[in-house]
Amino acid sequence: MKVSLMAAAIILAVAAPAMAGGGHCDEDIAAVDKALSAAKLSDADVATVKAARASAEEAHVAKKFEECEKALEPAQKLLGLKDKHGH
């Protein structure tokens, strides 16, 4: 019984950060979408935000959550969004 509980704890400890990373991408992409709808940016900046968002979405679908967050950085900067997750 102790071995099963220990194995479950180890699996959860390893899986939890990966699952949490995916949640961050969803939240960050949604924040970019919301901010973009109200932003007053130049056409070039809008194109940059949309390209960054598309790259982030692609990385998110591929479960490359670190790449997703990195891809969103230019969009977040242009939209004045701060990283809420301490990355």
N, C-alpha and C. Protein backbone atom coordinates (compact mmCIF):
# COMPACT_ATOMS: atom_id res chain seq x y z
N MET A 1 0.82 -1.19 0.00
CA MET A 1 0.00 0.00 0.00
C MET A 1 0.86 1.25 0.00
N LYS A 2 1.92 1.25 0.82
CA LYS A 2 2.80 2.42 0.89
C LYS A 2 3.47 2.67 -0.45
N VAL A 3 3.83 1.61 -1.16
CA VAL A 3 4.49 1.77 -2.45
C VAL A 3 3.54 2.42 -3.45
N SER A 4 2.29 2.02 -3.46
CA SER A 4 1.31 2.60 -4.37
C SER A 4 1.08 4.07 -4.09
N LEU A 5 0.97 4.42 -2.83
CA LEU A 5 0.79 5.83 -2.47
C LEU A 5 2.01 6.66 -2.84
N MET A 6 3.18 6.09 -2.62
CA MET A 6 4.40 6.81 -2.97
C MET A 6 4.51 6.98 -4.48
N ALA A 7 4.17 5.96 -5.23
CA ALA A 7 4.21 6.05 -6.70
C ALA A 7 3.22 7.09 -7.19
N ALA A 8 2.04 7.12 -6.62
CA ALA A 8 1.04 8.11 -7.01
C ALA A 8 1.51 9.52 -6.69
N ALA A 9 2.14 9.69 -5.56
CA ALA A 9 2.65 11.01 -5.17
C ALA A 9 3.74 11.47 -6.13
N ILE A 10 4.61 10.56 -6.53
CA ILE A 10 5.69 10.91 -7.47
C ILE A 10 5.11 11.27 -8.83
N ILE A 11 4.16 10.50 -9.30
CA ILE A 11 3.53 10.78 -10.59
C ILE A 11 2.85 12.14 -10.56
N LEU A 12 2.14 12.43 -9.50
CA LEU A 12 1.45 13.71 -9.38
C LEU A 12 2.45 14.86 -9.31
N ALA A 13 3.53 14.68 -8.60
CA ALA A 13 4.55 15.73 -8.48
C ALA A 13 5.19 16.05 -9.82
N VAL A 14 5.35 15.03 -10.64
CA VAL A 14 5.95 15.22 -11.96
C VAL A 14 4.93 15.80 -12.94
N ALA A 15 3.70 15.37 -12.88
CA ALA A 15 2.68 15.78 -13.84
C ALA A 15 2.10 17.16 -13.53
N ALA A 16 2.03 17.54 -12.30
CA ALA A 16 1.38 18.81 -11.93
C ALA A 16 1.98 20.03 -12.62
N PRO A 17 3.30 20.18 -12.65
CA PRO A 17 3.83 21.36 -13.34
C PRO A 17 3.48 21.40 -14.83
N ALA A 18 3.47 20.27 -15.47
CA ALA A 18 3.11 20.23 -16.89
C ALA A 18 1.66 20.63 -17.10
N MET A 19 0.79 20.16 -16.23
CA MET A 19 -0.62 20.51 -16.35
C MET A 19 -0.82 21.99 -16.05
N ALA A 20 -0.11 22.51 -15.07
CA ALA A 20 -0.25 23.92 -14.71
C ALA A 20 0.24 24.82 -15.84
N GLY A 21 1.31 24.42 -16.51
CA GLY A 21 1.83 25.21 -17.62
C GLY A 21 0.81 25.38 -18.71
N GLY A 22 0.06 24.34 -18.99
CA GLY A 22 -0.97 24.42 -20.01
C GLY A 22 -2.04 25.42 -19.64
N GLY A 23 -2.37 25.48 -18.35
CA GLY A 23 -3.36 26.43 -17.90
C GLY A 23 -2.90 27.86 -18.06
N HIS A 24 -1.60 28.07 -17.84
CA HIS A 24 -1.06 29.42 -18.01
C HIS A 24 -1.21 29.89 -19.44
N CYS A 25 -0.96 29.01 -20.38
CA CYS A 25 -1.06 29.41 -21.79
C CYS A 25 -2.49 29.83 -22.12
N ASP A 26 -3.44 29.04 -21.69
CA ASP A 26 -4.85 29.37 -21.94
C ASP A 26 -5.18 30.75 -21.38
N GLU A 27 -4.77 30.98 -20.14
CA GLU A 27 -5.05 32.26 -19.49
C GLU A 27 -4.35 33.41 -20.22
N ASP A 28 -3.09 33.18 -20.59
CA ASP A 28 -2.32 34.23 -21.25
C ASP A 28 -2.87 34.55 -22.63
N ILE A 29 -3.26 33.53 -23.38
CA ILE A 29 -3.84 33.75 -24.71
C ILE A 29 -5.16 34.51 -24.58
N ALA A 30 -5.97 34.12 -23.61
CA ALA A 30 -7.25 34.81 -23.39
C ALA A 30 -7.03 36.27 -23.01
N ALA A 31 -6.01 36.54 -22.19
CA ALA A 31 -5.70 37.92 -21.79
C ALA A 31 -5.26 38.75 -23.00
N VAL A 32 -4.48 38.13 -23.89
CA VAL A 32 -4.05 38.83 -25.11
C VAL A 32 -5.26 39.12 -25.98
N ASP A 33 -6.14 38.15 -26.15
CA ASP A 33 -7.35 38.35 -26.96
C ASP A 33 -8.19 39.50 -26.40
N LYS A 34 -8.39 39.51 -25.10
CA LYS A 34 -9.21 40.54 -24.47
C LYS A 34 -8.57 41.92 -24.63
N ALA A 35 -7.27 42.00 -24.37
CA ALA A 35 -6.58 43.28 -24.47
C ALA A 35 -6.53 43.78 -25.91
N LEU A 36 -6.38 42.87 -26.86
CA LEU A 36 -6.32 43.26 -28.26
C LEU A 36 -7.64 43.87 -28.72
N SER A 37 -8.73 43.34 -28.22
CA SER A 37 -10.05 43.84 -28.64
C SER A 37 -10.26 45.30 -28.23
N ALA A 38 -9.57 45.75 -27.18
CA ALA A 38 -9.74 47.12 -26.70
C ALA A 38 -8.53 48.01 -27.00
N ALA A 39 -7.48 47.43 -27.57
CA ALA A 39 -6.24 48.18 -27.78
C ALA A 39 -6.32 49.12 -28.97
N LYS A 40 -5.56 50.17 -28.87
CA LYS A 40 -5.42 51.11 -29.99
C LYS A 40 -3.97 51.03 -30.44
N LEU A 41 -3.73 50.11 -31.37
CA LEU A 41 -2.39 49.86 -31.87
C LEU A 41 -2.32 50.18 -33.35
N SER A 42 -1.11 50.37 -33.82
CA SER A 42 -0.91 50.56 -35.25
C SER A 42 -1.19 49.24 -35.96
N ASP A 43 -1.40 49.30 -37.26
CA ASP A 43 -1.63 48.08 -38.03
C ASP A 43 -0.45 47.11 -37.89
N ALA A 44 0.76 47.65 -37.88
CA ALA A 44 1.95 46.81 -37.74
C ALA A 44 1.97 46.12 -36.38
N ASP A 45 1.62 46.83 -35.32
CA ASP A 45 1.60 46.24 -33.99
C ASP A 45 0.49 45.20 -33.86
N VAL A 46 -0.65 45.46 -34.46
CA VAL A 46 -1.74 44.47 -34.46
C VAL A 46 -1.27 43.19 -35.17
N ALA A 47 -0.58 43.35 -36.27
CA ALA A 47 -0.07 42.19 -37.01
C ALA A 47 0.93 41.42 -36.15
N THR A 48 1.78 42.14 -35.42
CA THR A 48 2.76 41.49 -34.54
C THR A 48 2.05 40.71 -33.44
N VAL A 49 1.04 41.32 -32.83
CA VAL A 49 0.29 40.65 -31.76
C VAL A 49 -0.40 39.40 -32.30
N LYS A 50 -1.03 39.52 -33.46
CA LYS A 50 -1.73 38.37 -34.03
C LYS A 50 -0.77 37.24 -34.41
N ALA A 51 0.40 37.58 -34.92
CA ALA A 51 1.39 36.56 -35.27
C ALA A 51 1.91 35.87 -34.02
N ALA A 52 2.17 36.65 -32.98
CA ALA A 52 2.65 36.08 -31.72
C ALA A 52 1.59 35.16 -31.12
N ARG A 53 0.34 35.59 -31.18
CA ARG A 53 -0.75 34.78 -30.65
C ARG A 53 -0.89 33.48 -31.42
N ALA A 54 -0.77 33.54 -32.74
CA ALA A 54 -0.87 32.34 -33.57
C ALA A 54 0.26 31.36 -33.25
N SER A 55 1.47 31.89 -33.08
CA SER A 55 2.60 31.03 -32.72
C SER A 55 2.39 30.39 -31.35
N ALA A 56 1.85 31.17 -30.42
CA ALA A 56 1.58 30.65 -29.08
C ALA A 56 0.52 29.56 -29.12
N GLU A 57 -0.51 29.77 -29.90
CA GLU A 57 -1.58 28.77 -30.03
C GLU A 57 -1.03 27.47 -30.60
N GLU A 58 -0.18 27.59 -31.61
CA GLU A 58 0.43 26.41 -32.22
C GLU A 58 1.29 25.64 -31.21
N ALA A 59 2.08 26.38 -30.43
CA ALA A 59 2.91 25.73 -29.40
C ALA A 59 2.04 25.10 -28.33
N HIS A 60 0.96 25.77 -27.96
CA HIS A 60 0.05 25.23 -26.94
C HIS A 60 -0.58 23.92 -27.40
N VAL A 61 -1.04 23.89 -28.63
CA VAL A 61 -1.66 22.67 -29.18
C VAL A 61 -0.65 21.52 -29.19
N ALA A 62 0.62 21.87 -29.44
CA ALA A 62 1.68 20.86 -29.45
C ALA A 62 2.18 20.52 -28.04
N LYS A 63 1.53 21.12 -27.04
CA LYS A 63 1.88 20.91 -25.63
C LYS A 63 3.30 21.37 -25.31
N LYS A 64 3.74 22.41 -26.02
CA LYS A 64 5.04 23.02 -25.77
C LYS A 64 4.77 24.33 -25.03
N PHE A 65 4.43 24.18 -23.75
CA PHE A 65 3.92 25.29 -22.97
C PHE A 65 4.96 26.38 -22.73
N GLU A 66 6.20 25.99 -22.57
CA GLU A 66 7.25 26.99 -22.38
C GLU A 66 7.40 27.84 -23.66
N GLU A 67 7.35 27.18 -24.81
CA GLU A 67 7.41 27.90 -26.09
C GLU A 67 6.18 28.80 -26.26
N CYS A 68 5.05 28.34 -25.80
CA CYS A 68 3.82 29.12 -25.88
C CYS A 68 3.99 30.43 -25.12
N GLU A 69 4.46 30.35 -23.90
CA GLU A 69 4.64 31.55 -23.10
C GLU A 69 5.67 32.49 -23.72
N LYS A 70 6.73 31.93 -24.26
CA LYS A 70 7.78 32.73 -24.90
C LYS A 70 7.23 33.43 -26.15
N ALA A 71 6.41 32.72 -26.91
CA ALA A 71 5.84 33.29 -28.13
C ALA A 71 4.92 34.46 -27.84
N LEU A 72 4.27 34.43 -26.68
CA LEU A 72 3.33 35.51 -26.32
C LEU A 72 4.00 36.78 -25.82
N GLU A 73 5.28 36.71 -25.49
CA GLU A 73 5.95 37.87 -24.90
C GLU A 73 5.84 39.15 -25.73
N PRO A 74 6.07 39.10 -27.06
CA PRO A 74 5.95 40.35 -27.82
C PRO A 74 4.53 40.94 -27.78
N ALA A 75 3.54 40.08 -27.83
CA ALA A 75 2.15 40.53 -27.77
C ALA A 75 1.85 41.16 -26.41
N GLN A 76 2.29 40.50 -25.36
CA GLN A 76 2.06 41.02 -24.01
C GLN A 76 2.74 42.38 -23.84
N LYS A 77 3.93 42.52 -24.36
CA LYS A 77 4.66 43.78 -24.24
C LYS A 77 3.92 44.90 -24.97
N LEU A 78 3.51 44.63 -26.20
CA LEU A 78 2.79 45.65 -26.98
C LEU A 78 1.46 46.04 -26.35
N LEU A 79 0.83 45.09 -25.69
CA LEU A 79 -0.48 45.34 -25.09
C LEU A 79 -0.39 45.82 -23.64
N GLY A 80 0.83 45.91 -23.12
CA GLY A 80 1.02 46.37 -21.75
C GLY A 80 0.57 45.38 -20.71
N LEU A 81 0.62 44.09 -21.04
CA LEU A 81 0.21 43.05 -20.10
C LEU A 81 1.43 42.57 -19.31
N LYS A 82 1.24 42.36 -18.03
CA LYS A 82 2.30 41.84 -17.19
C LYS A 82 2.11 40.36 -17.00
N ASP A 83 3.21 39.65 -16.91
CA ASP A 83 3.17 38.21 -16.67
C ASP A 83 2.73 37.97 -15.23
N LYS A 84 1.59 37.34 -15.07
CA LYS A 84 1.03 37.09 -13.75
C LYS A 84 1.62 35.86 -13.08
N HIS A 85 2.44 35.12 -13.83
CA HIS A 85 2.90 33.81 -13.34
C HIS A 85 4.37 33.83 -12.91
N GLY A 86 5.00 34.98 -12.91
CA GLY A 86 6.36 35.08 -12.44
C GLY A 86 7.40 34.49 -13.35
N HIS A 87 7.13 34.44 -14.63
CA HIS A 87 8.12 33.91 -15.59
C HIS A 87 8.87 35.03 -16.21
